Amino acid sequence: MLHNFSSFIDKNHQALGLPITDAQIAEMESHAEDIDFAVAAEEERKLRHDVMAHVHTFAHCCPTAAPIIHLGATSCYVGDNTDLIALRDGFNILLPKLARVIDRLANFAEEYADLPTLGFTHFHCLTLMSKVHKVRKCLHLICTDIRLLANLKEIEEPFKEQIGSSAMPYKRNPMRAERCCSLARHLIALMADPLQTASVQWLERTLDDSANRRISLPESFLTADIVLSTLQNITEGLVVYPKVIERDIHNELPFMATENIIMAIVKAGGNRQECHEKICVLSQESAAVVKQEGGDNDLLARIQRDPYFAPILGQLDALLDPKTFIGRAPQQVQHVQSDHR
C-alpha cells in the first residue's frame, strides 16, 4: 500500500514543480508489488515505527528514488487511506449479506403477515420487519425475539442433528440466535473504541489511536460478517408452529379482549365504569384459577354466565376473533417490502 501511495503522491509532487524525475517514479512503479516483509520486520524492530520501516524497505528496492520516497508526507497518509480502502472493501462484503437477510425476512413476513400472535409490546414476532427496516437497530434485538419465541415453542430456528444441551438431551436451544446475540454484544462493545479514541485526541491527532483502530476496525467487520451470515442461515429455515400460537392465543385472548367487550357493552347502552368493575372481578377470579389451580382461562365462560353481559353474547365470537387484533400488521409488511424491493 505504501509503495502505491508513494508513486501516486510523488507524481503529484512532480506536477507541482518539485525536483522528482520520471526515472524515480518509474522505478517506484516497477517495484510497487515487491515487498520484502522479512526486511520490513527487521527495520521495524530497529526503528520501532511501522511506516518508516516500509519506507526504508522500499528504498532498498528503489535506490534512485530513495531520496524522495515519503517526501513531505506523514504516516497518516498511508494509514488513513488504507483504512478507507479497508472500510470500502468491508462494506462491499457486508452490504450484500445484509440485503440477503432483509430479503429472507421479507419472505418470512409475507408468508405470516396475517397470522395472529400474542404481542406484549416488543414481544411480538411480526415486529421483526419493522426492526430491519431501521437498520440502525441492532441485530441483537431480532435474535432475542427469536429466542423468546423459541422458548414459547411458537417458532424454531433450523435444527438438524445438533445437541441442544450436554445435560438435557430434550432441549432444542436456538443456538444460532444465541450465538448472534453473543457476537452482536461484542460488536456493540467495539463501537465504543473509536468513540472514546476520538474524544481524547490532542488538538489535531495523537498516535494513541493507531493500535486501537487496527484491532477495532477489522474486528468490527469480521464480527458483523459472521453475525449476518448466521442470521441469514436462521432466516432461511425459520419454522413456525401455528397450532402452538393458537393455543397461546386461546389462553390469553379473553384477557386481551376485555376492552372490546367493554366498548360493546357501552354501545349496547351500558355504563363503562360499571362494566369495567364487573370484568375486573371476573378477570381476577379467572386469573386465580390459572395461577393458583393450574387450570385453563375460564374468563369467557364466566362472562357468558353473567346476566349483565346478555346484550352482547351474540357478539362474543366476533369480539374475540384473533384476526381483529392484528391491526395494520399485513399492511406494514407490504409497506416495508415495497421500500426494499
Protein backbone atom coordinates (compact mmCIF):
# COMPACT_ATOMS: atom_id res chain seq x y z
CA MET A 1 0.00 0.00 0.00
CA LEU A 2 2.83 2.41 0.88
CA HIS A 3 4.52 1.69 -2.45
CA ASN A 4 1.44 2.56 -4.49
CA PHE A 5 0.72 5.68 -2.45
CA SER A 6 4.32 6.86 -2.73
CA SER A 7 4.40 6.75 -6.52
CA PHE A 8 0.94 8.37 -6.69
CA ILE A 9 1.85 11.24 -4.37
CA ASP A 10 5.25 11.80 -5.91
CA LYS A 11 3.59 12.18 -9.31
CA ASN A 12 1.54 14.99 -7.81
CA HIS A 13 4.64 16.49 -6.23
CA GLN A 14 6.33 16.41 -9.62
CA ALA A 15 3.35 18.15 -11.21
CA LEU A 16 3.67 20.89 -8.60
CA GLY A 17 7.27 21.52 -9.64
CA LEU A 18 9.28 19.54 -7.10
CA PRO A 19 12.56 18.04 -8.38
CA ILE A 20 11.31 14.48 -8.97
CA THR A 21 12.37 12.70 -12.14
CA ASP A 22 10.40 10.39 -14.38
CA ALA A 23 13.05 7.74 -13.73
CA GLN A 24 12.41 7.85 -9.99
CA ILE A 25 8.64 7.49 -10.49
CA ALA A 26 9.11 4.66 -12.99
CA GLU A 27 11.43 2.87 -10.55
CA MET A 28 8.83 3.06 -7.78
CA GLU A 29 6.04 1.87 -10.05
CA SER A 30 8.11 -1.09 -11.23
CA HIS A 31 8.64 -2.22 -7.61
CA ALA A 32 5.17 -1.41 -6.29
CA GLU A 33 4.43 -5.07 -5.51
CA ASP A 34 7.94 -6.06 -4.39
CA ILE A 35 7.55 -6.10 -0.60
CA ASP A 36 10.18 -7.90 1.43
CA PHE A 37 8.28 -8.44 4.66
CA ALA A 38 11.28 -10.02 6.38
CA VAL A 39 13.33 -6.89 5.77
CA ALA A 40 10.39 -4.70 6.84
CA ALA A 41 10.09 -6.66 10.09
CA GLU A 42 13.78 -6.22 10.80
CA GLU A 43 13.59 -2.49 10.03
CA GLU A 44 10.60 -2.10 12.36
CA ARG A 45 12.50 -3.92 15.11
CA LYS A 46 15.23 -1.31 14.81
CA LEU A 47 13.15 1.79 14.11
CA ARG A 48 10.05 0.98 16.20
CA HIS A 49 7.92 2.62 13.51
CA ASP A 50 5.90 0.58 11.08
CA VAL A 51 5.52 3.11 8.24
CA MET A 52 9.16 4.21 8.35
CA ALA A 53 10.17 0.54 8.35
CA HIS A 54 8.40 0.14 5.00
CA VAL A 55 9.86 3.42 3.73
CA HIS A 56 13.35 2.02 4.35
CA THR A 57 12.38 -1.34 2.86
CA PHE A 58 11.01 0.34 -0.28
CA ALA A 59 14.18 2.40 -0.52
CA HIS A 60 16.23 -0.81 -0.72
CA CYS A 61 14.24 -1.73 -3.85
CA CYS A 62 14.41 1.80 -5.30
CA PRO A 63 17.85 3.28 -4.68
CA THR A 64 17.34 6.02 -7.28
CA ALA A 65 14.01 7.09 -5.77
CA ALA A 66 15.15 6.60 -2.16
CA PRO A 67 15.83 10.32 -1.50
CA ILE A 68 12.29 11.40 -2.35
CA ILE A 69 10.25 8.44 -1.01
CA HIS A 70 7.82 9.71 1.62
CA LEU A 71 8.68 13.27 0.60
CA GLY A 72 6.63 15.82 2.52
CA ALA A 73 4.26 13.16 3.86
CA THR A 74 3.27 11.78 7.25
CA SER A 75 2.40 8.27 8.31
CA CYS A 76 -1.29 9.18 8.31
CA TYR A 77 -1.49 9.45 4.55
CA VAL A 78 -0.67 5.74 4.44
CA GLY A 79 -2.65 4.56 7.44
CA ASP A 80 -5.76 6.67 6.92
CA ASN A 81 -6.04 5.89 3.22
CA THR A 82 -5.51 2.22 3.97
CA ASP A 83 -8.35 2.38 6.48
CA LEU A 84 -10.62 3.96 3.89
CA ILE A 85 -9.85 1.22 1.39
CA ALA A 86 -10.42 -1.45 4.04
CA LEU A 87 -13.73 0.16 5.04
CA ARG A 88 -14.85 0.33 1.41
CA ASP A 89 -13.96 -3.29 0.75
CA GLY A 90 -15.52 -4.36 4.05
CA PHE A 91 -18.84 -2.71 3.25
CA ASN A 92 -18.76 -4.29 -0.20
CA ILE A 93 -18.76 -7.65 1.61
CA LEU A 94 -21.31 -6.77 4.30
CA LEU A 95 -23.97 -4.93 2.29
CA PRO A 96 -24.92 -7.88 0.02
CA LYS A 97 -25.20 -10.08 3.12
CA LEU A 98 -27.43 -7.51 4.79
CA ALA A 99 -29.58 -7.36 1.65
CA ARG A 100 -29.96 -11.15 1.67
CA VAL A 101 -31.02 -11.14 5.33
CA ILE A 102 -33.60 -8.43 4.62
CA ASP A 103 -34.89 -10.45 1.67
CA ARG A 104 -35.24 -13.62 3.75
CA LEU A 105 -37.06 -11.72 6.50
CA ALA A 106 -39.32 -10.11 3.90
CA ASN A 107 -40.26 -13.54 2.54
CA PHE A 108 -40.94 -14.80 6.06
CA ALA A 109 -43.03 -11.76 6.97
CA GLU A 110 -45.04 -12.02 3.75
CA GLU A 111 -45.87 -15.66 4.46
CA TYR A 112 -47.07 -14.99 8.00
CA ALA A 113 -48.24 -11.36 7.69
CA ASP A 114 -51.82 -12.07 8.78
CA LEU A 115 -51.12 -14.80 11.35
CA PRO A 116 -52.34 -13.53 14.74
CA THR A 117 -49.77 -13.95 17.51
CA LEU A 118 -49.55 -12.79 21.08
CA GLY A 119 -47.79 -9.48 21.42
CA PHE A 120 -46.62 -7.85 24.63
CA THR A 121 -45.23 -4.53 23.35
CA HIS A 122 -41.88 -5.60 21.80
CA PHE A 123 -42.51 -9.33 22.47
CA HIS A 124 -44.15 -9.90 19.09
CA CYS A 125 -42.77 -11.89 16.16
CA LEU A 126 -44.21 -9.77 13.36
CA THR A 127 -42.32 -6.68 14.51
CA LEU A 128 -39.16 -8.21 13.05
CA MET A 129 -39.55 -6.45 9.73
CA SER A 130 -40.10 -3.04 11.28
CA LYS A 131 -36.82 -3.52 13.13
CA VAL A 132 -34.91 -4.47 10.00
CA HIS A 133 -36.47 -1.50 8.20
CA LYS A 134 -34.44 0.68 10.56
CA VAL A 135 -31.03 -0.89 10.02
CA ARG A 136 -29.54 1.19 12.79
CA LYS A 137 -31.37 -1.10 15.25
CA CYS A 138 -29.09 -3.84 16.44
CA LEU A 139 -29.45 -7.42 15.10
CA HIS A 140 -29.29 -8.44 18.76
CA LEU A 141 -32.94 -7.41 19.13
CA ILE A 142 -34.11 -9.65 16.27
CA CYS A 143 -32.29 -12.70 17.58
CA THR A 144 -33.56 -12.01 21.10
CA ASP A 145 -37.12 -12.09 19.77
CA ILE A 146 -36.41 -15.38 18.02
CA ARG A 147 -35.04 -16.82 21.27
CA LEU A 148 -38.07 -15.66 23.24
CA LEU A 149 -40.48 -17.15 20.71
CA ALA A 150 -38.47 -20.36 20.59
CA ASN A 151 -38.83 -20.57 24.36
CA LEU A 152 -42.62 -20.44 23.85
CA LYS A 153 -42.26 -23.10 21.14
CA GLU A 154 -44.06 -20.81 18.70
CA ILE A 155 -41.10 -20.57 16.36
CA GLU A 156 -37.89 -22.51 15.82
CA GLU A 157 -34.63 -21.89 14.03
CA PRO A 158 -33.19 -24.57 11.70
CA PHE A 159 -32.41 -27.69 13.72
CA LYS A 160 -30.71 -30.78 12.34
CA GLU A 161 -28.73 -33.42 14.22
CA GLN A 162 -27.41 -30.99 16.81
CA ILE A 163 -27.14 -31.24 20.58
CA GLY A 164 -29.16 -28.56 22.31
CA SER A 165 -27.70 -29.23 25.75
CA SER A 166 -25.00 -31.50 27.11
CA ALA A 167 -27.10 -32.27 30.21
CA MET A 168 -30.68 -32.09 28.87
CA PRO A 169 -31.00 -34.11 25.63
CA TYR A 170 -34.58 -32.99 25.01
CA LYS A 171 -33.60 -29.33 24.60
CA ARG A 172 -33.57 -27.65 21.21
CA ASN A 173 -31.88 -24.40 22.06
CA PRO A 174 -31.86 -21.65 19.43
CA MET A 175 -28.08 -21.96 19.27
CA ARG A 176 -27.58 -19.79 16.19
CA ALA A 177 -29.68 -16.95 17.60
CA GLU A 178 -27.81 -17.27 20.89
CA ARG A 179 -24.51 -17.05 19.02
CA CYS A 180 -25.71 -13.97 17.14
CA CYS A 181 -26.68 -12.27 20.40
CA SER A 182 -23.30 -13.04 21.90
CA LEU A 183 -21.38 -11.67 18.92
CA ALA A 184 -23.73 -8.71 18.49
CA ARG A 185 -22.93 -7.65 22.06
CA HIS A 186 -19.24 -7.83 21.15
CA LEU A 187 -19.93 -5.64 18.11
CA ILE A 188 -21.81 -3.14 20.25
CA ALA A 189 -18.87 -3.02 22.66
CA LEU A 190 -16.41 -2.47 19.78
CA MET A 191 -18.33 0.66 18.77
CA ALA A 192 -17.08 2.34 21.94
CA ASP A 193 -13.45 2.09 20.81
CA PRO A 194 -13.44 4.75 18.04
CA LEU A 195 -15.80 6.99 20.02
CA GLN A 196 -13.57 7.02 23.07
CA THR A 197 -10.43 7.37 20.95
CA ALA A 198 -11.81 10.38 19.09
CA SER A 199 -12.80 12.04 22.36
CA VAL A 200 -9.26 12.12 23.74
CA GLN A 201 -7.19 13.23 20.75
CA TRP A 202 -4.86 16.16 21.42
CA LEU A 203 -5.55 19.23 19.30
CA GLU A 204 -5.21 17.57 15.86
CA ARG A 205 -4.41 13.91 16.47
CA THR A 206 -2.11 11.69 18.51
CA LEU A 207 -0.77 8.25 17.78
CA ASP A 208 -2.69 6.55 20.55
CA ASP A 209 -5.41 5.79 18.01
CA SER A 210 -3.23 3.55 15.84
CA ALA A 211 -3.06 0.32 17.82
CA ASN A 212 -6.70 0.63 18.84
CA ARG A 213 -8.12 1.06 15.34
CA ARG A 214 -6.01 -1.78 13.96
CA ILE A 215 -7.96 -4.03 16.30
CA SER A 216 -11.38 -2.39 16.48
CA LEU A 217 -11.94 -1.76 12.74
CA PRO A 218 -11.18 -5.24 11.39
CA GLU A 219 -12.78 -6.89 14.43
CA SER A 220 -15.96 -4.92 13.79
CA PHE A 221 -16.19 -6.03 10.17
CA LEU A 222 -15.34 -9.64 10.98
CA THR A 223 -17.94 -9.73 13.73
CA ALA A 224 -20.64 -8.11 11.60
CA ASP A 225 -19.82 -10.54 8.79
CA ILE A 226 -20.35 -13.69 10.85
CA VAL A 227 -23.47 -12.30 12.54
CA LEU A 228 -25.06 -11.55 9.16
CA SER A 229 -24.05 -14.95 7.76
CA THR A 230 -25.54 -16.72 10.78
CA LEU A 231 -28.72 -14.64 10.70
CA GLN A 232 -29.13 -15.45 7.01
CA ASN A 233 -28.90 -19.13 7.87
CA ILE A 234 -31.56 -18.67 10.56
CA THR A 235 -33.97 -16.72 8.37
CA GLU A 236 -33.71 -19.24 5.55
CA GLY A 237 -35.02 -22.01 7.80
CA LEU A 238 -37.33 -20.48 10.39
CA VAL A 239 -40.16 -22.83 11.35
CA VAL A 240 -43.48 -21.50 12.68
CA TYR A 241 -45.91 -23.62 14.70
CA PRO A 242 -49.40 -22.11 14.19
CA LYS A 243 -51.09 -24.64 16.49
CA VAL A 244 -48.87 -23.62 19.40
CA ILE A 245 -49.55 -19.96 18.63
CA GLU A 246 -53.29 -20.70 18.51
CA ARG A 247 -53.09 -22.40 21.92
CA ASP A 248 -51.25 -19.47 23.44
CA ILE A 249 -53.78 -17.04 21.98
CA HIS A 250 -56.64 -19.13 23.37
CA ASN A 251 -55.13 -18.87 26.85
CA GLU A 252 -54.63 -15.09 26.76
CA LEU A 253 -57.16 -13.68 24.31
CA PRO A 254 -60.09 -13.42 26.78
CA PHE A 255 -57.98 -11.05 28.89
CA MET A 256 -56.83 -9.10 25.86
CA ALA A 257 -60.39 -8.77 24.52
CA THR A 258 -61.82 -7.18 27.65
CA GLU A 259 -61.56 -3.66 26.21
CA ASN A 260 -63.53 -4.76 23.16
CA ILE A 261 -66.18 -6.25 25.44
CA ILE A 262 -66.40 -3.02 27.45
CA MET A 263 -66.85 -0.98 24.25
CA ALA A 264 -69.58 -3.36 23.05
CA ILE A 265 -71.46 -3.02 26.34
CA VAL A 266 -71.27 0.78 26.10
CA LYS A 267 -72.66 0.65 22.55
CA ALA A 268 -75.49 -1.50 23.88
CA GLY A 269 -76.37 1.21 26.43
CA GLY A 270 -74.25 0.11 29.41
CA ASN A 271 -72.02 2.13 31.73
CA ARG A 272 -68.30 1.86 31.09
CA GLN A 273 -67.20 2.14 34.71
CA GLU A 274 -69.73 -0.44 35.87
CA CYS A 275 -68.72 -2.85 33.09
CA HIS A 276 -65.03 -2.31 33.89
CA GLU A 277 -65.60 -3.20 37.53
CA LYS A 278 -67.53 -6.37 36.67
CA ILE A 279 -64.86 -7.55 34.21
CA CYS A 280 -62.15 -6.73 36.73
CA VAL A 281 -63.77 -9.03 39.29
CA LEU A 282 -64.32 -11.84 36.76
CA SER A 283 -60.76 -11.47 35.42
CA GLN A 284 -59.24 -11.76 38.89
CA GLU A 285 -61.33 -14.87 39.57
CA SER A 286 -60.24 -16.43 36.29
CA ALA A 287 -56.60 -15.47 36.90
CA ALA A 288 -56.76 -17.22 40.27
CA VAL A 289 -57.88 -20.42 38.53
CA VAL A 290 -54.91 -20.18 36.14
CA LYS A 291 -52.27 -19.16 38.69
CA GLN A 292 -53.36 -20.99 41.84
CA GLU A 293 -55.06 -24.09 40.46
CA GLY A 294 -53.16 -24.53 37.19
CA GLY A 295 -56.48 -24.52 35.32
CA ASP A 296 -57.48 -23.04 31.97
CA ASN A 297 -58.52 -19.45 31.41
CA ASP A 298 -62.30 -19.53 32.01
CA LEU A 299 -62.97 -15.79 31.77
CA LEU A 300 -65.10 -16.21 28.66
CA ALA A 301 -67.30 -18.81 30.39
CA ARG A 302 -67.74 -16.51 33.39
CA ILE A 303 -68.79 -13.65 31.11
CA GLN A 304 -71.26 -15.90 29.31
CA ARG A 305 -72.83 -16.95 32.65
CA ASP A 306 -73.22 -13.40 33.95
CA PRO A 307 -76.64 -11.90 33.05
CA TYR A 308 -75.05 -8.44 32.85
CA PHE A 309 -73.40 -9.36 29.54
CA ALA A 310 -76.55 -10.85 27.98
CA PRO A 311 -76.97 -7.95 25.49
CA ILE A 312 -73.67 -8.78 23.76
CA LEU A 313 -73.44 -12.57 24.00
CA GLY A 314 -74.19 -12.88 20.31
CA GLN A 315 -71.17 -10.68 19.53
CA LEU A 316 -68.61 -12.57 21.59
CA ASP A 317 -67.28 -14.71 18.73
CA ALA A 318 -66.62 -11.60 16.64
CA LEU A 319 -65.20 -9.68 19.60
CA LEU A 320 -62.72 -12.50 20.27
CA ASP A 321 -61.70 -13.12 16.67
CA PRO A 322 -57.87 -13.06 16.78
CA LYS A 323 -57.64 -11.51 13.32
CA THR A 324 -59.29 -8.34 14.63
CA PHE A 325 -56.28 -7.79 16.90
CA ILE A 326 -53.50 -7.73 14.32
CA GLY A 327 -54.08 -4.10 13.41
CA ARG A 328 -52.17 -2.99 10.32
CA ALA A 329 -49.54 -5.73 10.51
CA PRO A 330 -50.24 -7.06 6.96
CA GLN A 331 -50.19 -3.54 5.51
CA GLN A 332 -46.99 -2.72 7.39
CA VAL A 333 -45.31 -5.80 5.92
CA GLN A 334 -46.38 -4.74 2.42
CA HIS A 335 -45.12 -1.21 3.07
CA VAL A 336 -41.71 -2.40 4.24
CA GLN A 337 -41.41 -4.81 1.32
CA SER A 338 -42.25 -2.08 -1.17
CA ASP A 339 -39.45 0.03 0.29
CA HIS A 340 -36.85 -2.73 -0.08
CA ARG A 341 -37.84 -4.28 -3.41
